[in-house]
Amino acid sequence: MRSVLCVALFAPAIVMAEGQVQAEQVSAGKALYKAHCALCHGSRGQGVPPMFPNLVSKPPEAHAAMMQNYRAGHGHKVMVDMAKSLNERQIDDLMLYIATFPPKK
């Protein structure tokens, strides 16, 4: 009973802390996007196809997989170099930010 009471008391704080962490990650991702992606892919991921793909036409999971391919050295050199310059946490933050873009209409 005591452990249930502790969970009930602290659960809201844990959820709020997780929300704060995710908000901080999205904010960090936004800064990374502006520094590394916006010039080619646009401020909200709209891109200029075919040279600079639209980022909102694919689910976030697809972008994460593509970033891993780039980090492995596969793809356009500019993207490979950019992906290799980021660590895993930065890529996660970037993917969280891209996931906030409104879907393509």
PDB file of N, CA and C in Angstrom:
ATOM      1  N   MET A   1       0.825  -1.195   0.000  1.00  0.00           N
ATOM      2  CA  MET A   1       0.000   0.000   0.000  1.00  0.00           C
ATOM      3  C   MET A   1       0.872   1.262   0.000  1.00  0.00           C
ATOM      4  N   ARG A   2       1.936   1.197   0.779  1.00  0.00           N
ATOM      5  CA  ARG A   2       2.805   2.359   0.886  1.00  0.00           C
ATOM      6  C   ARG A   2       3.444   2.707  -0.462  1.00  0.00           C
ATOM      7  N   SER A   3       3.881   1.681  -1.224  1.00  0.00           N
ATOM      8  CA  SER A   3       4.498   1.947  -2.526  1.00  0.00           C
ATOM      9  C   SER A   3       3.477   2.498  -3.512  1.00  0.00           C
ATOM     10  N   VAL A   4       2.235   2.043  -3.425  1.00  0.00           N
ATOM     11  CA  VAL A   4       1.178   2.579  -4.292  1.00  0.00           C
ATOM     12  C   VAL A   4       0.955   4.049  -3.978  1.00  0.00           C
ATOM     13  N   LEU A   5       0.966   4.396  -2.703  1.00  0.00           N
ATOM     14  CA  LEU A   5       0.796   5.785  -2.296  1.00  0.00           C
ATOM     15  C   LEU A   5       1.949   6.643  -2.809  1.00  0.00           C
ATOM     16  N   CYS A   6       3.181   6.130  -2.722  1.00  0.00           N
ATOM     17  CA  CYS A   6       4.341   6.878  -3.228  1.00  0.00           C
ATOM     18  C   CYS A   6       4.225   7.116  -4.724  1.00  0.00           C
ATOM     19  N   VAL A   7       3.831   6.082  -5.462  1.00  0.00           N
ATOM     20  CA  VAL A   7       3.668   6.230  -6.910  1.00  0.00           C
ATOM     21  C   VAL A   7       2.586   7.262  -7.200  1.00  0.00           C
ATOM     22  N   ALA A   8       1.485   7.191  -6.489  1.00  0.00           N
ATOM     23  CA  ALA A   8       0.392   8.140  -6.711  1.00  0.00           C
ATOM     24  C   ALA A   8       0.822   9.569  -6.411  1.00  0.00           C
ATOM     25  N   LEU A   9       1.651   9.741  -5.409  1.00  0.00           N
ATOM     26  CA  LEU A   9       2.105  11.080  -5.052  1.00  0.00           C
ATOM     27  C   LEU A   9       3.124  11.640  -6.042  1.00  0.00           C
ATOM     28  N   PHE A  10       4.022  10.791  -6.529  1.00  0.00           N
ATOM     29  CA  PHE A  10       5.114  11.276  -7.371  1.00  0.00           C
ATOM     30  C   PHE A  10       4.860  11.152  -8.866  1.00  0.00           C
ATOM     31  N   ALA A  11       3.856  10.411  -9.282  1.00  0.00           N
ATOM     32  CA  ALA A  11       3.590  10.226 -10.713  1.00  0.00           C
ATOM     33  C   ALA A  11       3.386  11.549 -11.449  1.00  0.00           C
ATOM     34  N   PRO A  12       2.598  12.485 -10.910  1.00  0.00           N
ATOM     35  CA  PRO A  12       2.447  13.756 -11.637  1.00  0.00           C
ATOM     36  C   PRO A  12       3.771  14.493 -11.835  1.00  0.00           C
ATOM     37  N   ALA A  13       4.645  14.447 -10.843  1.00  0.00           N
ATOM     38  CA  ALA A  13       5.947  15.113 -10.973  1.00  0.00           C
ATOM     39  C   ALA A  13       6.807  14.432 -12.028  1.00  0.00           C
ATOM     40  N   ILE A  14       6.731  13.100 -12.086  1.00  0.00           N
ATOM     41  CA  ILE A  14       7.502  12.365 -13.090  1.00  0.00           C
ATOM     42  C   ILE A  14       6.998  12.707 -14.483  1.00  0.00           C
ATOM     43  N   VAL A  15       5.684  12.718 -14.668  1.00  0.00           N
ATOM     44  CA  VAL A  15       5.104  13.053 -15.973  1.00  0.00           C
ATOM     45  C   VAL A  15       5.477  14.476 -16.366  1.00  0.00           C
ATOM     46  N   MET A  16       5.404  15.410 -15.426  1.00  0.00           N
ATOM     47  CA  MET A  16       5.775  16.794 -15.722  1.00  0.00           C
ATOM     48  C   MET A  16       7.248  16.877 -16.092  1.00  0.00           C
ATOM     49  N   ALA A  17       8.103  16.136 -15.383  1.00  0.00           N
ATOM     50  CA  ALA A  17       9.535  16.154 -15.686  1.00  0.00           C
ATOM     51  C   ALA A  17       9.797  15.593 -17.075  1.00  0.00           C
ATOM     52  N   GLU A  18       9.106  14.509 -17.443  1.00  0.00           N
ATOM     53  CA  GLU A  18       9.269  13.941 -18.781  1.00  0.00           C
ATOM     54  C   GLU A  18       8.809  14.927 -19.841  1.00  0.00           C
ATOM     55  N   GLY A  19       7.705  15.613 -19.589  1.00  0.00           N
ATOM     56  CA  GLY A  19       7.226  16.628 -20.531  1.00  0.00           C
ATOM     57  C   GLY A  19       8.219  17.757 -20.679  1.00  0.00           C
ATOM     58  N   GLN A  20       8.837  18.150 -19.579  1.00  0.00           N
ATOM     59  CA  GLN A  20       9.846  19.212 -19.612  1.00  0.00           C
ATOM     60  C   GLN A  20      11.063  18.767 -20.401  1.00  0.00           C
ATOM     61  N   VAL A  21      11.483  17.519 -20.187  1.00  0.00           N
ATOM     62  CA  VAL A  21      12.635  16.989 -20.922  1.00  0.00           C
ATOM     63  C   VAL A  21      12.332  16.972 -22.413  1.00  0.00           C
ATOM     64  N   GLN A  22      11.135  16.499 -22.799  1.00  0.00           N
ATOM     65  CA  GLN A  22      10.800  16.455 -24.217  1.00  0.00           C
ATOM     66  C   GLN A  22      10.736  17.866 -24.798  1.00  0.00           C
ATOM     67  N   ALA A  23      10.187  18.821 -24.061  1.00  0.00           N
ATOM     68  CA  ALA A  23      10.141  20.205 -24.543  1.00  0.00           C
ATOM     69  C   ALA A  23      11.555  20.742 -24.758  1.00  0.00           C
ATOM     70  N   GLU A  24      12.462  20.405 -23.855  1.00  0.00           N
ATOM     71  CA  GLU A  24      13.858  20.837 -24.006  1.00  0.00           C
ATOM     72  C   GLU A  24      14.506  20.175 -25.219  1.00  0.00           C
ATOM     73  N   GLN A  25      14.168  18.896 -25.458  1.00  0.00           N
ATOM     74  CA  GLN A  25      14.712  18.195 -26.621  1.00  0.00           C
ATOM     75  C   GLN A  25      14.185  18.809 -27.920  1.00  0.00           C
ATOM     76  N   VAL A  26      12.903  19.141 -27.957  1.00  0.00           N
ATOM     77  CA  VAL A  26      12.325  19.772 -29.150  1.00  0.00           C
ATOM     78  C   VAL A  26      12.992  21.121 -29.387  1.00  0.00           C
ATOM     79  N   SER A  27      13.214  21.871 -28.323  1.00  0.00           N
ATOM     80  CA  SER A  27      13.879  23.167 -28.447  1.00  0.00           C
ATOM     81  C   SER A  27      15.304  22.999 -28.978  1.00  0.00           C
ATOM     82  N   ALA A  28      16.015  22.014 -28.452  1.00  0.00           N
ATOM     83  CA  ALA A  28      17.371  21.740 -28.951  1.00  0.00           C
ATOM     84  C   ALA A  28      17.322  21.295 -30.408  1.00  0.00           C
ATOM     85  N   GLY A  29      16.326  20.486 -30.749  1.00  0.00           N
ATOM     86  CA  GLY A  29      16.158  20.037 -32.130  1.00  0.00           C
ATOM     87  C   GLY A  29      15.868  21.181 -33.074  1.00  0.00           C
ATOM     88  N   LYS A  30      15.101  22.145 -32.596  1.00  0.00           N
ATOM     89  CA  LYS A  30      14.796  23.324 -33.414  1.00  0.00           C
ATOM     90  C   LYS A  30      16.078  24.095 -33.739  1.00  0.00           C
ATOM     91  N   ALA A  31      16.928  24.276 -32.741  1.00  0.00           N
ATOM     92  CA  ALA A  31      18.195  24.979 -32.972  1.00  0.00           C
ATOM     93  C   ALA A  31      19.072  24.210 -33.960  1.00  0.00           C
ATOM     94  N   LEU A  32      19.108  22.888 -33.814  1.00  0.00           N
ATOM     95  CA  LEU A  32      19.880  22.066 -34.750  1.00  0.00           C
ATOM     96  C   LEU A  32      19.310  22.160 -36.159  1.00  0.00           C
ATOM     97  N   TYR A  33      17.982  22.131 -36.256  1.00  0.00           N
ATOM     98  CA  TYR A  33      17.333  22.209 -37.568  1.00  0.00           C
ATOM     99  C   TYR A  33      17.679  23.531 -38.251  1.00  0.00           C
ATOM    100  N   LYS A  34      17.581  24.614 -37.503  1.00  0.00           N
ATOM    101  CA  LYS A  34      17.908  25.924 -38.084  1.00  0.00           C
ATOM    102  C   LYS A  34      19.358  25.975 -38.548  1.00  0.00           C
ATOM    103  N   ALA A  35      20.256  25.363 -37.786  1.00  0.00           N
ATOM    104  CA  ALA A  35      21.683  25.408 -38.114  1.00  0.00           C
ATOM    105  C   ALA A  35      22.071  24.470 -39.253  1.00  0.00           C
ATOM    106  N   HIS A  36      21.417  23.308 -39.344  1.00  0.00           N
ATOM    107  CA  HIS A  36      21.866  22.280 -40.276  1.00  0.00           C
ATOM    108  C   HIS A  36      20.902  21.958 -41.412  1.00  0.00           C
ATOM    109  N   CYS A  37      19.621  22.275 -41.281  1.00  0.00           N
ATOM    110  CA  CYS A  37      18.630  21.740 -42.226  1.00  0.00           C
ATOM    111  C   CYS A  37      17.806  22.795 -42.958  1.00  0.00           C
ATOM    112  N   ALA A  38      17.486  23.885 -42.282  1.00  0.00           N
ATOM    113  CA  ALA A  38      16.510  24.845 -42.807  1.00  0.00           C
ATOM    114  C   ALA A  38      16.920  25.466 -44.135  1.00  0.00           C
ATOM    115  N   LEU A  39      18.193  25.692 -44.341  1.00  0.00           N
ATOM    116  CA  LEU A  39      18.630  26.336 -45.574  1.00  0.00           C
ATOM    117  C   LEU A  39      18.167  25.546 -46.799  1.00  0.00           C
ATOM    118  N   CYS A  40      18.265  24.244 -46.749  1.00  0.00           N
ATOM    119  CA  CYS A  40      17.873  23.414 -47.895  1.00  0.00           C
ATOM    120  C   CYS A  40      16.434  22.906 -47.803  1.00  0.00           C
ATOM    121  N   HIS A  41      16.009  22.509 -46.614  1.00  0.00           N
ATOM    122  CA  HIS A  41      14.702  21.871 -46.464  1.00  0.00           C
ATOM    123  C   HIS A  41      13.590  22.835 -46.065  1.00  0.00           C
ATOM    124  N   GLY A  42      13.896  24.106 -45.901  1.00  0.00           N
ATOM    125  CA  GLY A  42      12.880  25.090 -45.552  1.00  0.00           C
ATOM    126  C   GLY A  42      12.623  25.166 -44.065  1.00  0.00           C
ATOM    127  N   SER A  43      12.012  26.251 -43.646  1.00  0.00           N
ATOM    128  CA  SER A  43      11.809  26.501 -42.217  1.00  0.00           C
ATOM    129  C   SER A  43      10.869  25.501 -41.556  1.00  0.00           C
ATOM    130  N   ARG A  44       9.960  24.899 -42.314  1.00  0.00           N
ATOM    131  CA  ARG A  44       9.024  23.918 -41.756  1.00  0.00           C
ATOM    132  C   ARG A  44       9.065  22.603 -42.524  1.00  0.00           C
ATOM    133  N   GLY A  45      10.217  22.308 -43.128  1.00  0.00           N
ATOM    134  CA  GLY A  45      10.407  21.021 -43.776  1.00  0.00           C
ATOM    135  C   GLY A  45       9.785  20.863 -45.144  1.00  0.00           C
ATOM    136  N   GLN A  46       9.361  21.978 -45.736  1.00  0.00           N
ATOM    137  CA  GLN A  46       8.664  21.890 -47.023  1.00  0.00           C
ATOM    138  C   GLN A  46       9.591  21.515 -48.174  1.00  0.00           C
ATOM    139  N   GLY A  47      10.887  21.790 -48.047  1.00  0.00           N
ATOM    140  CA  GLY A  47      11.857  21.428 -49.066  1.00  0.00           C
ATOM    141  C   GLY A  47      11.635  22.128 -50.392  1.00  0.00           C
ATOM    142  N   VAL A  48      12.479  21.803 -51.360  1.00  0.00           N
ATOM    143  CA  VAL A  48      12.348  22.269 -52.736  1.00  0.00           C
ATOM    144  C   VAL A  48      12.645  21.043 -53.604  1.00  0.00           C
ATOM    145  N   PRO A  49      11.637  20.141 -53.724  1.00  0.00           N
ATOM    146  CA  PRO A  49      11.853  18.912 -54.484  1.00  0.00           C
ATOM    147  C   PRO A  49      12.207  19.214 -55.935  1.00  0.00           C
ATOM    148  N   PRO A  50      12.981  18.389 -56.598  1.00  0.00           N
ATOM    149  CA  PRO A  50      13.527  17.118 -56.117  1.00  0.00           C
ATOM    150  C   PRO A  50      14.884  17.256 -55.419  1.00  0.00           C
ATOM    151  N   MET A  51      15.531  18.396 -55.559  1.00  0.00           N
ATOM    152  CA  MET A  51      16.872  18.545 -54.986  1.00  0.00           C
ATOM    153  C   MET A  51      16.869  18.464 -53.459  1.00  0.00           C
ATOM    154  N   PHE A  52      15.927  19.145 -52.819  1.00  0.00           N
ATOM    155  CA  PHE A  52      15.848  19.173 -51.360  1.00  0.00           C
ATOM    156  C   PHE A  52      14.485  18.619 -50.951  1.00  0.00           C
ATOM    157  N   PRO A  53      14.428  17.339 -50.557  1.00  0.00           N
ATOM    158  CA  PRO A  53      13.149  16.681 -50.297  1.00  0.00           C
ATOM    159  C   PRO A  53      12.309  17.339 -49.209  1.00  0.00           C
ATOM    160  N   ASN A  54      11.006  17.197 -49.385  1.00  0.00           N
ATOM    161  CA  ASN A  54      10.023  17.613 -48.404  1.00  0.00           C
ATOM    162  C   ASN A  54      10.136  16.659 -47.215  1.00  0.00           C
ATOM    163  N   LEU A  55      10.278  17.187 -46.025  1.00  0.00           N
ATOM    164  CA  LEU A  55      10.431  16.351 -44.837  1.00  0.00           C
ATOM    165  C   LEU A  55       9.104  15.984 -44.193  1.00  0.00           C
ATOM    166  N   VAL A  56       8.034  16.675 -44.528  1.00  0.00           N
ATOM    167  CA  VAL A  56       6.752  16.403 -43.879  1.00  0.00           C
ATOM    168  C   VAL A  56       5.953  15.329 -44.604  1.00  0.00           C
ATOM    169  N   SER A  57       6.462  14.829 -45.719  1.00  0.00           N
ATOM    170  CA  SER A  57       5.729  13.816 -46.467  1.00  0.00           C
ATOM    171  C   SER A  57       6.016  12.401 -45.972  1.00  0.00           C
ATOM    172  N   LYS A  58       6.955  12.259 -45.028  1.00  0.00           N
ATOM    173  CA  LYS A  58       7.301  10.948 -44.483  1.00  0.00           C
ATOM    174  C   LYS A  58       7.177  10.975 -42.966  1.00  0.00           C
ATOM    175  N   PRO A  59       6.889   9.808 -42.361  1.00  0.00           N
ATOM    176  CA  PRO A  59       6.800   9.759 -40.893  1.00  0.00           C
ATOM    177  C   PRO A  59       8.172   9.950 -40.248  1.00  0.00           C
ATOM    178  N   PRO A  60       8.193  10.412 -39.003  1.00  0.00           N
ATOM    179  CA  PRO A  60       9.463  10.644 -38.310  1.00  0.00           C
ATOM    180  C   PRO A  60      10.378   9.423 -38.279  1.00  0.00           C
ATOM    181  N   GLU A  61       9.788   8.222 -38.205  1.00  0.00           N
ATOM    182  CA  GLU A  61      10.608   7.011 -38.168  1.00  0.00           C
ATOM    183  C   GLU A  61      11.440   6.877 -39.439  1.00  0.00           C
ATOM    184  N   ALA A  62      10.876   7.287 -40.570  1.00  0.00           N
ATOM    185  CA  ALA A  62      11.604   7.215 -41.841  1.00  0.00           C
ATOM    186  C   ALA A  62      12.812   8.146 -41.818  1.00  0.00           C
ATOM    187  N   HIS A  63      12.652   9.313 -41.226  1.00  0.00           N
ATOM    188  CA  HIS A  63      13.769  10.260 -41.139  1.00  0.00           C
ATOM    189  C   HIS A  63      14.870   9.716 -40.238  1.00  0.00           C
ATOM    190  N   ALA A  64      14.478   9.093 -39.143  1.00  0.00           N
ATOM    191  CA  ALA A  64      15.471   8.525 -38.229  1.00  0.00           C
ATOM    192  C   ALA A  64      16.273   7.432 -38.936  1.00  0.00           C
ATOM    193  N   ALA A  65      15.598   6.584 -39.707  1.00  0.00           N
ATOM    194  CA  ALA A  65      16.290   5.523 -40.446  1.00  0.00           C
ATOM    195  C   ALA A  65      17.226   6.121 -41.492  1.00  0.00           C
ATOM    196  N   MET A  66      16.774   7.172 -42.168  1.00  0.00           N
ATOM    197  CA  MET A  66      17.617   7.824 -43.170  1.00  0.00           C
ATOM    198  C   MET A  66      18.855   8.435 -42.516  1.00  0.00           C
ATOM    199  N   MET A  67      18.674   9.053 -41.361  1.00  0.00           N
ATOM    200  CA  MET A  67      19.821   9.647 -40.670  1.00  0.00           C
ATOM    201  C   MET A  67      20.844   8.573 -40.298  1.00  0.00           C
ATOM    202  N   GLN A  68      20.377   7.404 -39.888  1.00  0.00           N
ATOM    203  CA  GLN A  68      21.304   6.319 -39.561  1.00  0.00           C
ATOM    204  C   GLN A  68      22.051   5.854 -40.813  1.00  0.00           C
ATOM    205  N   ASN A  69      21.355   5.810 -41.955  1.00  0.00           N
ATOM    206  CA  ASN A  69      22.023   5.466 -43.218  1.00  0.00           C
ATOM    207  C   ASN A  69      23.084   6.495 -43.563  1.00  0.00           C
ATOM    208  N   TYR A  70      22.751   7.761 -43.398  1.00  0.00           N
ATOM    209  CA  TYR A  70      23.730   8.819 -43.670  1.00  0.00           C
ATOM    210  C   TYR A  70      24.937   8.688 -42.746  1.00  0.00           C
ATOM    211  N   ARG A  71      24.676   8.418 -41.475  1.00  0.00           N
ATOM    212  CA  ARG A  71      25.785   8.271 -40.518  1.00  0.00           C
ATOM    213  C   ARG A  71      26.680   7.090 -40.875  1.00  0.00           C
ATOM    214  N   ALA A  72      26.094   6.096 -41.537  1.00  0.00           N
ATOM    215  CA  ALA A  72      26.864   4.926 -41.973  1.00  0.00           C
ATOM    216  C   ALA A  72      27.621   5.197 -43.272  1.00  0.00           C
ATOM    217  N   GLY A  73      27.446   6.406 -43.823  1.00  0.00           N
ATOM    218  CA  GLY A  73      28.191   6.780 -45.017  1.00  0.00           C
ATOM    219  C   GLY A  73      27.457   6.589 -46.325  1.00  0.00           C
ATOM    220  N   HIS A  74      26.155   6.290 -46.255  1.00  0.00           N
ATOM    221  CA  HIS A  74      25.367   6.063 -47.464  1.00  0.00           C
ATOM    222  C   HIS A  74      24.555   7.300 -47.810  1.00  0.00           C
ATOM    223  N   GLY A  75      24.595   7.710 -49.071  1.00  0.00           N
ATOM    224  CA  GLY A  75      23.784   8.842 -49.508  1.00  0.00           C
ATOM    225  C   GLY A  75      24.620  10.019 -49.961  1.00  0.00           C
ATOM    226  N   HIS A  76      23.937  11.136 -50.111  1.00  0.00           N
ATOM    227  CA  HIS A  76      24.563  12.375 -50.595  1.00  0.00           C
ATOM    228  C   HIS A  76      25.624  12.836 -49.596  1.00  0.00           C
ATOM    229  N   LYS A  77      26.781  13.235 -50.106  1.00  0.00           N
ATOM    230  CA  LYS A  77      27.910  13.611 -49.246  1.00  0.00           C
ATOM    231  C   LYS A  77      27.559  14.704 -48.236  1.00  0.00           C
ATOM    232  N   VAL A  78      26.784  15.683 -48.663  1.00  0.00           N
ATOM    233  CA  VAL A  78      26.410  16.766 -47.738  1.00  0.00           C
ATOM    234  C   VAL A  78      25.640  16.195 -46.552  1.00  0.00           C
ATOM    235  N   MET A  79      24.701  15.289 -46.833  1.00  0.00           N
ATOM    236  CA  MET A  79      23.909  14.697 -45.757  1.00  0.00           C
ATOM    237  C   MET A  79      24.761  13.753 -44.902  1.00  0.00           C
ATOM    238  N   VAL A  80      25.649  13.002 -45.534  1.00  0.00           N
ATOM    239  CA  VAL A  80      26.538  12.105 -44.782  1.00  0.00           C
ATOM    240  C   VAL A  80      27.397  12.918 -43.814  1.00  0.00           C
ATOM    241  N   ASP A  81      28.000  13.982 -44.306  1.00  0.00           N
ATOM    242  CA  ASP A  81      28.853  14.818 -43.450  1.00  0.00           C
ATOM    243  C   ASP A  81      28.055  15.454 -42.317  1.00  0.00           C
ATOM    244  N   MET A  82      26.858  15.937 -42.628  1.00  0.00           N
ATOM    245  CA  MET A  82      26.026  16.561 -41.600  1.00  0.00           C
ATOM    246  C   MET A  82      25.639  15.537 -40.536  1.00  0.00           C
ATOM    247  N   ALA A  83      25.178  14.360 -40.963  1.00  0.00           N
ATOM    248  CA  ALA A  83      24.752  13.333 -40.010  1.00  0.00           C
ATOM    249  C   ALA A  83      25.914  12.870 -39.135  1.00  0.00           C
ATOM    250  N   LYS A  84      27.088  12.749 -39.717  1.00  0.00           N
ATOM    251  CA  LYS A  84      28.254  12.321 -38.941  1.00  0.00           C
ATOM    252  C   LYS A  84      28.696  13.384 -37.936  1.00  0.00           C
ATOM    253  N   SER A  85      28.299  14.634 -38.162  1.00  0.00           N
ATOM    254  CA  SER A  85      28.675  15.704 -37.234  1.00  0.00           C
ATOM    255  C   SER A  85      27.786  15.738 -35.992  1.00  0.00           C
ATOM    256  N   LEU A  86      26.692  14.966 -36.009  1.00  0.00           N
ATOM    257  CA  LEU A  86      25.747  14.951 -34.891  1.00  0.00           C
ATOM    258  C   LEU A  86      25.898  13.672 -34.080  1.00  0.00           C
ATOM    259  N   ASN A  87      25.689  13.786 -32.768  1.00  0.00           N
ATOM    260  CA  ASN A  87      25.676  12.584 -31.943  1.00  0.00           C
ATOM    261  C   ASN A  87      24.247  12.033 -31.874  1.00  0.00           C
ATOM    262  N   GLU A  88      24.086  10.876 -31.239  1.00  0.00           N
ATOM    263  CA  GLU A  88      22.769  10.221 -31.177  1.00  0.00           C
ATOM    264  C   GLU A  88      21.718  11.114 -30.516  1.00  0.00           C
ATOM    265  N   ARG A  89      22.090  11.768 -29.445  1.00  0.00           N
ATOM    266  CA  ARG A  89      21.141  12.638 -28.733  1.00  0.00           C
ATOM    267  C   ARG A  89      20.689  13.783 -29.638  1.00  0.00           C
ATOM    268  N   GLN A  90      21.619  14.376 -30.365  1.00  0.00           N
ATOM    269  CA  GLN A  90      21.263  15.465 -31.273  1.00  0.00           C
ATOM    270  C   GLN A  90      20.335  14.977 -32.379  1.00  0.00           C
ATOM    271  N   ILE A  91      20.584  13.786 -32.886  1.00  0.00           N
ATOM    272  CA  ILE A  91      19.697  13.230 -33.915  1.00  0.00           C
ATOM    273  C   ILE A  91      18.312  12.995 -33.334  1.00  0.00           C
ATOM    274  N   ASP A  92      18.234  12.460 -32.124  1.00  0.00           N
ATOM    275  CA  ASP A  92      16.935  12.267 -31.470  1.00  0.00           C
ATOM    276  C   ASP A  92      16.208  13.600 -31.307  1.00  0.00           C
ATOM    277  N   ASP A  93      16.926  14.615 -30.854  1.00  0.00           N
ATOM    278  CA  ASP A  93      16.325  15.941 -30.674  1.00  0.00           C
ATOM    279  C   ASP A  93      15.824  16.487 -32.009  1.00  0.00           C
ATOM    280  N   LEU A  94      16.616  16.324 -33.033  1.00  0.00           N
ATOM    281  CA  LEU A  94      16.249  16.792 -34.367  1.00  0.00           C
ATOM    282  C   LEU A  94      15.003  16.072 -34.867  1.00  0.00           C
ATOM    283  N   MET A  95      14.923  14.768 -34.658  1.00  0.00           N
ATOM    284  CA  MET A  95      13.757  13.992 -35.093  1.00  0.00           C
ATOM    285  C   MET A  95      12.504  14.412 -34.321  1.00  0.00           C
ATOM    286  N   LEU A  96      12.657  14.698 -33.033  1.00  0.00           N
ATOM    287  CA  LEU A  96      11.510  15.170 -32.252  1.00  0.00           C
ATOM    288  C   LEU A  96      11.005  16.503 -32.791  1.00  0.00           C
ATOM    289  N   TYR A  97      11.919  17.384 -33.165  1.00  0.00           N
ATOM    290  CA  TYR A  97      11.499  18.671 -33.718  1.00  0.00           C
ATOM    291  C   TYR A  97      10.818  18.489 -35.070  1.00  0.00           C
ATOM    292  N   ILE A  98      11.383  17.684 -35.948  1.00  0.00           N
ATOM    293  CA  ILE A  98      10.770  17.459 -37.263  1.00  0.00           C
ATOM    294  C   ILE A  98       9.376  16.863 -37.107  1.00  0.00           C
ATOM    295  N   ALA A  99       9.174  16.042 -36.086  1.00  0.00           N
ATOM    296  CA  ALA A  99       7.861  15.442 -35.834  1.00  0.00           C
ATOM    297  C   ALA A  99       6.804  16.486 -35.472  1.00  0.00           C
ATOM    298  N   THR A 100       7.216  17.702 -35.110  1.00  0.00           N
ATOM    299  CA  THR A 100       6.237  18.749 -34.776  1.00  0.00           C
ATOM    300  C   THR A 100       5.713  19.468 -36.014  1.00  0.00           C
ATOM    301  N   PHE A 101       6.324  19.232 -37.180  1.00  0.00           N
ATOM    302  CA  PHE A 101       5.879  19.913 -38.397  1.00  0.00           C
ATOM    303  C   PHE A 101       4.474  19.445 -38.770  1.00  0.00           C
ATOM    304  N   PRO A 102       3.627  20.372 -39.219  1.00  0.00           N
ATOM    305  CA  PRO A 102       2.296  19.959 -39.660  1.00  0.00           C
ATOM    306  C   PRO A 102       2.408  19.084 -40.906  1.00  0.00           C
ATOM    307  N   PRO A 103       1.517  18.090 -41.045  1.00  0.00           N
ATOM    308  CA  PRO A 103       1.591  17.214 -42.211  1.00  0.00           C
ATOM    309  C   PRO A 103       1.343  17.963 -43.513  1.00  0.00           C
ATOM    310  N   LYS A 104       1.913  17.419 -44.581  1.00  0.00           N
ATOM    311  CA  LYS A 104       1.733  18.004 -45.909  1.00  0.00           C
ATOM    312  C   LYS A 104       0.274  17.870 -46.315  1.00  0.00           C
ATOM    313  N   LYS A 105      -0.262  18.952 -46.891  1.00  0.00           N
ATOM    314  CA  LYS A 105      -1.671  18.925 -47.309  1.00  0.00           C
ATOM    315  C   LYS A 105      -1.787  18.637 -48.775  1.00  0.00           C
TER     316      LYS A 105
END
